[in-house]
Amino acid sequence: MPAPLPPGPTRRLALCTLVVCVLAVAAAVVSFVQGSWLGIVWVLLAGLSSNMCWYYMKRGRAGRRPPVTG
């Protein structure tokens, strides 16, 4: 049985940005629980990283489809 191919760069970027998004959400929750308004920065970072994750996931899917010729 052949070894599975390593994930592509867009898949790795999507995974990394997803991890950043989850960590930013956790940091925002901790900041707001402690009464710090610094959590707003973490919420903004979570929004940015979730958009980046969505973009790289869509870009990776689009790269695997065959081109449409008319």
PDB file of N, CA and C in Angstrom:
ATOM      1  N   MET A   1       0.846  -1.179   0.000  1.00  0.00           N
ATOM      2  CA  MET A   1       0.000   0.000   0.000  1.00  0.00           C
ATOM      3  C   MET A   1       0.887   1.237   0.000  1.00  0.00           C
ATOM      4  N   PRO A   2       0.679   2.147  -0.958  1.00  0.00           N
ATOM      5  CA  PRO A   2       1.532   3.344  -1.019  1.00  0.00           C
ATOM      6  C   PRO A   2       1.255   4.288   0.145  1.00  0.00           C
ATOM      7  N   ALA A   3       2.277   5.039   0.483  1.00  0.00           N
ATOM      8  CA  ALA A   3       2.149   6.021   1.572  1.00  0.00           C
ATOM      9  C   ALA A   3       1.249   7.164   1.118  1.00  0.00           C
ATOM     10  N   PRO A   4       0.440   7.720   2.031  1.00  0.00           N
ATOM     11  CA  PRO A   4      -0.418   8.847   1.639  1.00  0.00           C
ATOM     12  C   PRO A   4       0.423  10.073   1.307  1.00  0.00           C
ATOM     13  N   LEU A   5      -0.079  10.846   0.373  1.00  0.00           N
ATOM     14  CA  LEU A   5       0.631  12.058  -0.022  1.00  0.00           C
ATOM     15  C   LEU A   5       0.547  13.102   1.079  1.00  0.00           C
ATOM     16  N   PRO A   6       1.600  13.890   1.247  1.00  0.00           N
ATOM     17  CA  PRO A   6       1.538  14.947   2.269  1.00  0.00           C
ATOM     18  C   PRO A   6       0.524  16.005   1.853  1.00  0.00           C
ATOM     19  N   PRO A   7      -0.083  16.671   2.826  1.00  0.00           N
ATOM     20  CA  PRO A   7      -1.060  17.706   2.491  1.00  0.00           C
ATOM     21  C   PRO A   7      -0.398  18.871   1.761  1.00  0.00           C
ATOM     22  N   GLY A   8      -1.168  19.497   0.909  1.00  0.00           N
ATOM     23  CA  GLY A   8      -0.654  20.626   0.130  1.00  0.00           C
ATOM     24  C   GLY A   8      -0.463  21.855   0.996  1.00  0.00           C
ATOM     25  N   PRO A   9       0.208  22.859   0.440  1.00  0.00           N
ATOM     26  CA  PRO A   9       0.480  24.073   1.225  1.00  0.00           C
ATOM     27  C   PRO A   9      -0.793  24.829   1.608  1.00  0.00           C
ATOM     28  N   THR A  10      -1.818  24.799   0.748  1.00  0.00           N
ATOM     29  CA  THR A  10      -3.041  25.515   1.113  1.00  0.00           C
ATOM     30  C   THR A  10      -3.753  24.810   2.253  1.00  0.00           C
ATOM     31  N   ARG A  11      -3.674  23.499   2.290  1.00  0.00           N
ATOM     32  CA  ARG A  11      -4.300  22.752   3.389  1.00  0.00           C
ATOM     33  C   ARG A  11      -3.585  23.038   4.707  1.00  0.00           C
ATOM     34  N   ARG A  12      -2.264  23.104   4.657  1.00  0.00           N
ATOM     35  CA  ARG A  12      -1.502  23.417   5.874  1.00  0.00           C
ATOM     36  C   ARG A  12      -1.798  24.834   6.354  1.00  0.00           C
ATOM     37  N   LEU A  13      -1.888  25.773   5.419  1.00  0.00           N
ATOM     38  CA  LEU A  13      -2.210  27.155   5.802  1.00  0.00           C
ATOM     39  C   LEU A  13      -3.604  27.242   6.407  1.00  0.00           C
ATOM     40  N   ALA A  14      -4.555  26.510   5.832  1.00  0.00           N
ATOM     41  CA  ALA A  14      -5.913  26.512   6.380  1.00  0.00           C
ATOM     42  C   ALA A  14      -5.915  25.929   7.791  1.00  0.00           C
ATOM     43  N   LEU A  15      -5.161  24.875   8.008  1.00  0.00           N
ATOM     44  CA  LEU A  15      -5.095  24.265   9.334  1.00  0.00           C
ATOM     45  C   LEU A  15      -4.433  25.200  10.341  1.00  0.00           C
ATOM     46  N   CYS A  16      -3.362  25.863   9.921  1.00  0.00           N
ATOM     47  CA  CYS A  16      -2.672  26.795  10.827  1.00  0.00           C
ATOM     48  C   CYS A  16      -3.561  27.976  11.196  1.00  0.00           C
ATOM     49  N   THR A  17      -4.270  28.517  10.224  1.00  0.00           N
ATOM     50  CA  THR A  17      -5.138  29.640  10.538  1.00  0.00           C
ATOM     51  C   THR A  17      -6.335  29.214  11.386  1.00  0.00           C
ATOM     52  N   LEU A  18      -6.777  27.969  11.219  1.00  0.00           N
ATOM     53  CA  LEU A  18      -7.842  27.462  12.083  1.00  0.00           C
ATOM     54  C   LEU A  18      -7.358  27.355  13.526  1.00  0.00           C
ATOM     55  N   VAL A  19      -6.135  26.899  13.725  1.00  0.00           N
ATOM     56  CA  VAL A  19      -5.567  26.821  15.071  1.00  0.00           C
ATOM     57  C   VAL A  19      -5.436  28.210  15.679  1.00  0.00           C
ATOM     58  N   VAL A  20      -4.984  29.177  14.889  1.00  0.00           N
ATOM     59  CA  VAL A  20      -4.866  30.553  15.374  1.00  0.00           C
ATOM     60  C   VAL A  20      -6.232  31.102  15.756  1.00  0.00           C
ATOM     61  N   CYS A  21      -7.247  30.785  14.959  1.00  0.00           N
ATOM     62  CA  CYS A  21      -8.599  31.256  15.249  1.00  0.00           C
ATOM     63  C   CYS A  21      -9.104  30.691  16.576  1.00  0.00           C
ATOM     64  N   VAL A  22      -8.912  29.403  16.793  1.00  0.00           N
ATOM     65  CA  VAL A  22      -9.373  28.779  18.037  1.00  0.00           C
ATOM     66  C   VAL A  22      -8.625  29.361  19.240  1.00  0.00           C
ATOM     67  N   LEU A  23      -7.321  29.541  19.097  1.00  0.00           N
ATOM     68  CA  LEU A  23      -6.548  30.111  20.200  1.00  0.00           C
ATOM     69  C   LEU A  23      -6.942  31.566  20.468  1.00  0.00           C
ATOM     70  N   ALA A  24      -7.239  32.325  19.435  1.00  0.00           N
ATOM     71  CA  ALA A  24      -7.656  33.716  19.619  1.00  0.00           C
ATOM     72  C   ALA A  24      -9.008  33.792  20.318  1.00  0.00           C
ATOM     73  N   VAL A  25      -9.914  32.887  19.975  1.00  0.00           N
ATOM     74  CA  VAL A  25     -11.216  32.867  20.654  1.00  0.00           C
ATOM     75  C   VAL A  25     -11.027  32.519  22.128  1.00  0.00           C
ATOM     76  N   ALA A  26     -10.178  31.550  22.420  1.00  0.00           N
ATOM     77  CA  ALA A  26      -9.915  31.194  23.817  1.00  0.00           C
ATOM     78  C   ALA A  26      -9.293  32.367  24.577  1.00  0.00           C
ATOM     79  N   ALA A  27      -8.361  33.064  23.935  1.00  0.00           N
ATOM     80  CA  ALA A  27      -7.736  34.223  24.582  1.00  0.00           C
ATOM     81  C   ALA A  27      -8.747  35.344  24.802  1.00  0.00           C
ATOM     82  N   ALA A  28      -9.671  35.529  23.870  1.00  0.00           N
ATOM     83  CA  ALA A  28     -10.699  36.554  24.034  1.00  0.00           C
ATOM     84  C   ALA A  28     -11.611  36.223  25.205  1.00  0.00           C
ATOM     85  N   VAL A  29     -11.986  34.970  25.333  1.00  0.00           N
ATOM     86  CA  VAL A  29     -12.851  34.558  26.443  1.00  0.00           C
ATOM     87  C   VAL A  29     -12.144  34.794  27.767  1.00  0.00           C
ATOM     88  N   VAL A  30     -10.883  34.398  27.842  1.00  0.00           N
ATOM     89  CA  VAL A  30     -10.127  34.590  29.084  1.00  0.00           C
ATOM     90  C   VAL A  30      -9.990  36.075  29.396  1.00  0.00           C
ATOM     91  N   SER A  31      -9.720  36.890  28.397  1.00  0.00           N
ATOM     92  CA  SER A  31      -9.572  38.333  28.621  1.00  0.00           C
ATOM     93  C   SER A  31     -10.861  38.964  29.132  1.00  0.00           C
ATOM     94  N   PHE A  32     -11.998  38.589  28.517  1.00  0.00           N
ATOM     95  CA  PHE A  32     -13.263  39.166  28.951  1.00  0.00           C
ATOM     96  C   PHE A  32     -13.668  38.667  30.337  1.00  0.00           C
ATOM     97  N   VAL A  33     -13.346  37.422  30.653  1.00  0.00           N
ATOM     98  CA  VAL A  33     -13.663  36.895  31.990  1.00  0.00           C
ATOM     99  C   VAL A  33     -12.851  37.636  33.053  1.00  0.00           C
ATOM    100  N   GLN A  34     -11.630  37.983  32.727  1.00  0.00           N
ATOM    101  CA  GLN A  34     -10.792  38.714  33.674  1.00  0.00           C
ATOM    102  C   GLN A  34     -11.123  40.200  33.712  1.00  0.00           C
ATOM    103  N   GLY A  35     -12.037  40.647  32.880  1.00  0.00           N
ATOM    104  CA  GLY A  35     -12.446  42.042  32.900  1.00  0.00           C
ATOM    105  C   GLY A  35     -11.592  42.960  32.055  1.00  0.00           C
ATOM    106  N   SER A  36     -10.791  42.400  31.169  1.00  0.00           N
ATOM    107  CA  SER A  36      -9.918  43.210  30.325  1.00  0.00           C
ATOM    108  C   SER A  36     -10.592  43.478  28.980  1.00  0.00           C
ATOM    109  N   TRP A  37     -10.465  44.714  28.512  1.00  0.00           N
ATOM    110  CA  TRP A  37     -11.010  45.061  27.213  1.00  0.00           C
ATOM    111  C   TRP A  37     -10.059  44.691  26.085  1.00  0.00           C
ATOM    112  N   LEU A  38      -8.927  44.118  26.434  1.00  0.00           N
ATOM    113  CA  LEU A  38      -7.969  43.651  25.424  1.00  0.00           C
ATOM    114  C   LEU A  38      -8.555  42.504  24.599  1.00  0.00           C
ATOM    115  N   GLY A  39      -9.616  41.907  25.101  1.00  0.00           N
ATOM    116  CA  GLY A  39     -10.274  40.825  24.378  1.00  0.00           C
ATOM    117  C   GLY A  39     -10.810  41.257  23.030  1.00  0.00           C
ATOM    118  N   ILE A  40     -11.064  42.546  22.857  1.00  0.00           N
ATOM    119  CA  ILE A  40     -11.546  43.044  21.561  1.00  0.00           C
ATOM    120  C   ILE A  40     -10.498  42.788  20.478  1.00  0.00           C
ATOM    121  N   VAL A  41      -9.238  42.955  20.820  1.00  0.00           N
ATOM    122  CA  VAL A  41      -8.166  42.683  19.859  1.00  0.00           C
ATOM    123  C   VAL A  41      -8.163  41.205  19.481  1.00  0.00           C
ATOM    124  N   TRP A  42      -8.379  40.334  20.461  1.00  0.00           N
ATOM    125  CA  TRP A  42      -8.417  38.894  20.188  1.00  0.00           C
ATOM    126  C   TRP A  42      -9.607  38.526  19.313  1.00  0.00           C
ATOM    127  N   VAL A  43     -10.737  39.188  19.524  1.00  0.00           N
ATOM    128  CA  VAL A  43     -11.916  38.927  18.686  1.00  0.00           C
ATOM    129  C   VAL A  43     -11.630  39.335  17.241  1.00  0.00           C
ATOM    130  N   LEU A  44     -10.978  40.475  17.051  1.00  0.00           N
ATOM    131  CA  LEU A  44     -10.628  40.911  15.703  1.00  0.00           C
ATOM    132  C   LEU A  44      -9.649  39.949  15.039  1.00  0.00           C
ATOM    133  N   LEU A  45      -8.681  39.466  15.807  1.00  0.00           N
ATOM    134  CA  LEU A  45      -7.732  38.492  15.278  1.00  0.00           C
ATOM    135  C   LEU A  45      -8.426  37.182  14.919  1.00  0.00           C
ATOM    136  N   ALA A  46      -9.391  36.769  15.730  1.00  0.00           N
ATOM    137  CA  ALA A  46     -10.147  35.552  15.426  1.00  0.00           C
ATOM    138  C   ALA A  46     -10.945  35.722  14.137  1.00  0.00           C
ATOM    139  N   GLY A  47     -11.538  36.888  13.932  1.00  0.00           N
ATOM    140  CA  GLY A  47     -12.273  37.142  12.698  1.00  0.00           C
ATOM    141  C   GLY A  47     -11.374  37.120  11.479  1.00  0.00           C
ATOM    142  N   LEU A  48     -10.224  37.732  11.583  1.00  0.00           N
ATOM    143  CA  LEU A  48      -9.278  37.743  10.472  1.00  0.00           C
ATOM    144  C   LEU A  48      -8.797  36.333  10.146  1.00  0.00           C
ATOM    145  N   SER A  49      -8.427  35.579  11.168  1.00  0.00           N
ATOM    146  CA  SER A  49      -7.910  34.236  10.912  1.00  0.00           C
ATOM    147  C   SER A  49      -9.001  33.291  10.406  1.00  0.00           C
ATOM    148  N   SER A  50     -10.246  33.478  10.826  1.00  0.00           N
ATOM    149  CA  SER A  50     -11.300  32.619  10.304  1.00  0.00           C
ATOM    150  C   SER A  50     -11.550  32.919   8.827  1.00  0.00           C
ATOM    151  N   ASN A  51     -11.468  34.190   8.436  1.00  0.00           N
ATOM    152  CA  ASN A  51     -11.597  34.529   7.013  1.00  0.00           C
ATOM    153  C   ASN A  51     -10.445  33.948   6.201  1.00  0.00           C
ATOM    154  N   MET A  52      -9.244  33.980   6.754  1.00  0.00           N
ATOM    155  CA  MET A  52      -8.102  33.395   6.059  1.00  0.00           C
ATOM    156  C   MET A  52      -8.261  31.888   5.921  1.00  0.00           C
ATOM    157  N   CYS A  53      -8.765  31.244   6.957  1.00  0.00           N
ATOM    158  CA  CYS A  53      -8.987  29.798   6.909  1.00  0.00           C
ATOM    159  C   CYS A  53     -10.007  29.463   5.831  1.00  0.00           C
ATOM    160  N   TRP A  54     -11.099  30.199   5.800  1.00  0.00           N
ATOM    161  CA  TRP A  54     -12.137  29.981   4.789  1.00  0.00           C
ATOM    162  C   TRP A  54     -11.563  30.159   3.377  1.00  0.00           C
ATOM    163  N   TYR A  55     -10.745  31.196   3.177  1.00  0.00           N
ATOM    164  CA  TYR A  55     -10.151  31.471   1.871  1.00  0.00           C
ATOM    165  C   TYR A  55      -9.244  30.317   1.434  1.00  0.00           C
ATOM    166  N   TYR A  56      -8.370  29.857   2.325  1.00  0.00           N
ATOM    167  CA  TYR A  56      -7.443  28.800   1.951  1.00  0.00           C
ATOM    168  C   TYR A  56      -8.153  27.468   1.738  1.00  0.00           C
ATOM    169  N   MET A  57      -9.236  27.216   2.459  1.00  0.00           N
ATOM    170  CA  MET A  57     -10.008  25.994   2.227  1.00  0.00           C
ATOM    171  C   MET A  57     -10.648  26.036   0.839  1.00  0.00           C
ATOM    172  N   LYS A  58     -11.253  27.172   0.476  1.00  0.00           N
ATOM    173  CA  LYS A  58     -11.874  27.296  -0.838  1.00  0.00           C
ATOM    174  C   LYS A  58     -10.826  27.248  -1.950  1.00  0.00           C
ATOM    175  N   ARG A  59      -9.681  27.850  -1.710  1.00  0.00           N
ATOM    176  CA  ARG A  59      -8.613  27.846  -2.714  1.00  0.00           C
ATOM    177  C   ARG A  59      -8.076  26.430  -2.921  1.00  0.00           C
ATOM    178  N   GLY A  60      -7.973  25.668  -1.852  1.00  0.00           N
ATOM    179  CA  GLY A  60      -7.507  24.290  -1.975  1.00  0.00           C
ATOM    180  C   GLY A  60      -8.497  23.421  -2.726  1.00  0.00           C
ATOM    181  N   ARG A  61      -9.788  23.620  -2.475  1.00  0.00           N
ATOM    182  CA  ARG A  61     -10.818  22.848  -3.182  1.00  0.00           C
ATOM    183  C   ARG A  61     -10.842  23.220  -4.663  1.00  0.00           C
ATOM    184  N   ALA A  62     -10.686  24.501  -4.953  1.00  0.00           N
ATOM    185  CA  ALA A  62     -10.725  24.947  -6.352  1.00  0.00           C
ATOM    186  C   ALA A  62      -9.523  24.418  -7.126  1.00  0.00           C
ATOM    187  N   GLY A  63      -8.409  24.229  -6.474  1.00  0.00           N
ATOM    188  CA  GLY A  63      -7.216  23.716  -7.141  1.00  0.00           C
ATOM    189  C   GLY A  63      -7.318  22.248  -7.512  1.00  0.00           C
ATOM    190  N   ARG A  64      -8.193  21.514  -6.843  1.00  0.00           N
ATOM    191  CA  ARG A  64      -8.327  20.087  -7.120  1.00  0.00           C
ATOM    192  C   ARG A  64      -9.328  19.802  -8.240  1.00  0.00           C
ATOM    193  N   ARG A  65     -10.187  20.769  -8.573  1.00  0.00           N
ATOM    194  CA  ARG A  65     -11.180  20.552  -9.625  1.00  0.00           C
ATOM    195  C   ARG A  65     -10.545  20.690 -10.995  1.00  0.00           C
ATOM    196  N   PRO A  66     -11.008  19.901 -11.964  1.00  0.00           N
ATOM    197  CA  PRO A  66     -10.479  20.074 -13.332  1.00  0.00           C
ATOM    198  C   PRO A  66     -10.984  21.383 -13.928  1.00  0.00           C
ATOM    199  N   PRO A  67     -10.223  21.986 -14.797  1.00  0.00           N
ATOM    200  CA  PRO A  67     -10.647  23.254 -15.397  1.00  0.00           C
ATOM    201  C   PRO A  67     -11.860  23.042 -16.306  1.00  0.00           C
ATOM    202  N   VAL A  68     -12.710  24.036 -16.312  1.00  0.00           N
ATOM    203  CA  VAL A  68     -13.912  23.994 -17.145  1.00  0.00           C
ATOM    204  C   VAL A  68     -13.599  24.646 -18.484  1.00  0.00           C
ATOM    205  N   THR A  69     -13.804  23.915 -19.564  1.00  0.00           N
ATOM    206  CA  THR A  69     -13.576  24.469 -20.892  1.00  0.00           C
ATOM    207  C   THR A  69     -14.893  24.518 -21.640  1.00  0.00           C
ATOM    208  N   GLY A  70     -15.103  25.566 -22.363  1.00  0.00           N
ATOM    209  CA  GLY A  70     -16.396  25.719 -23.038  1.00  0.00           C
ATOM    210  C   GLY A  70     -16.213  25.654 -24.472  1.00  0.00           C
TER     211      GLY A  70
END
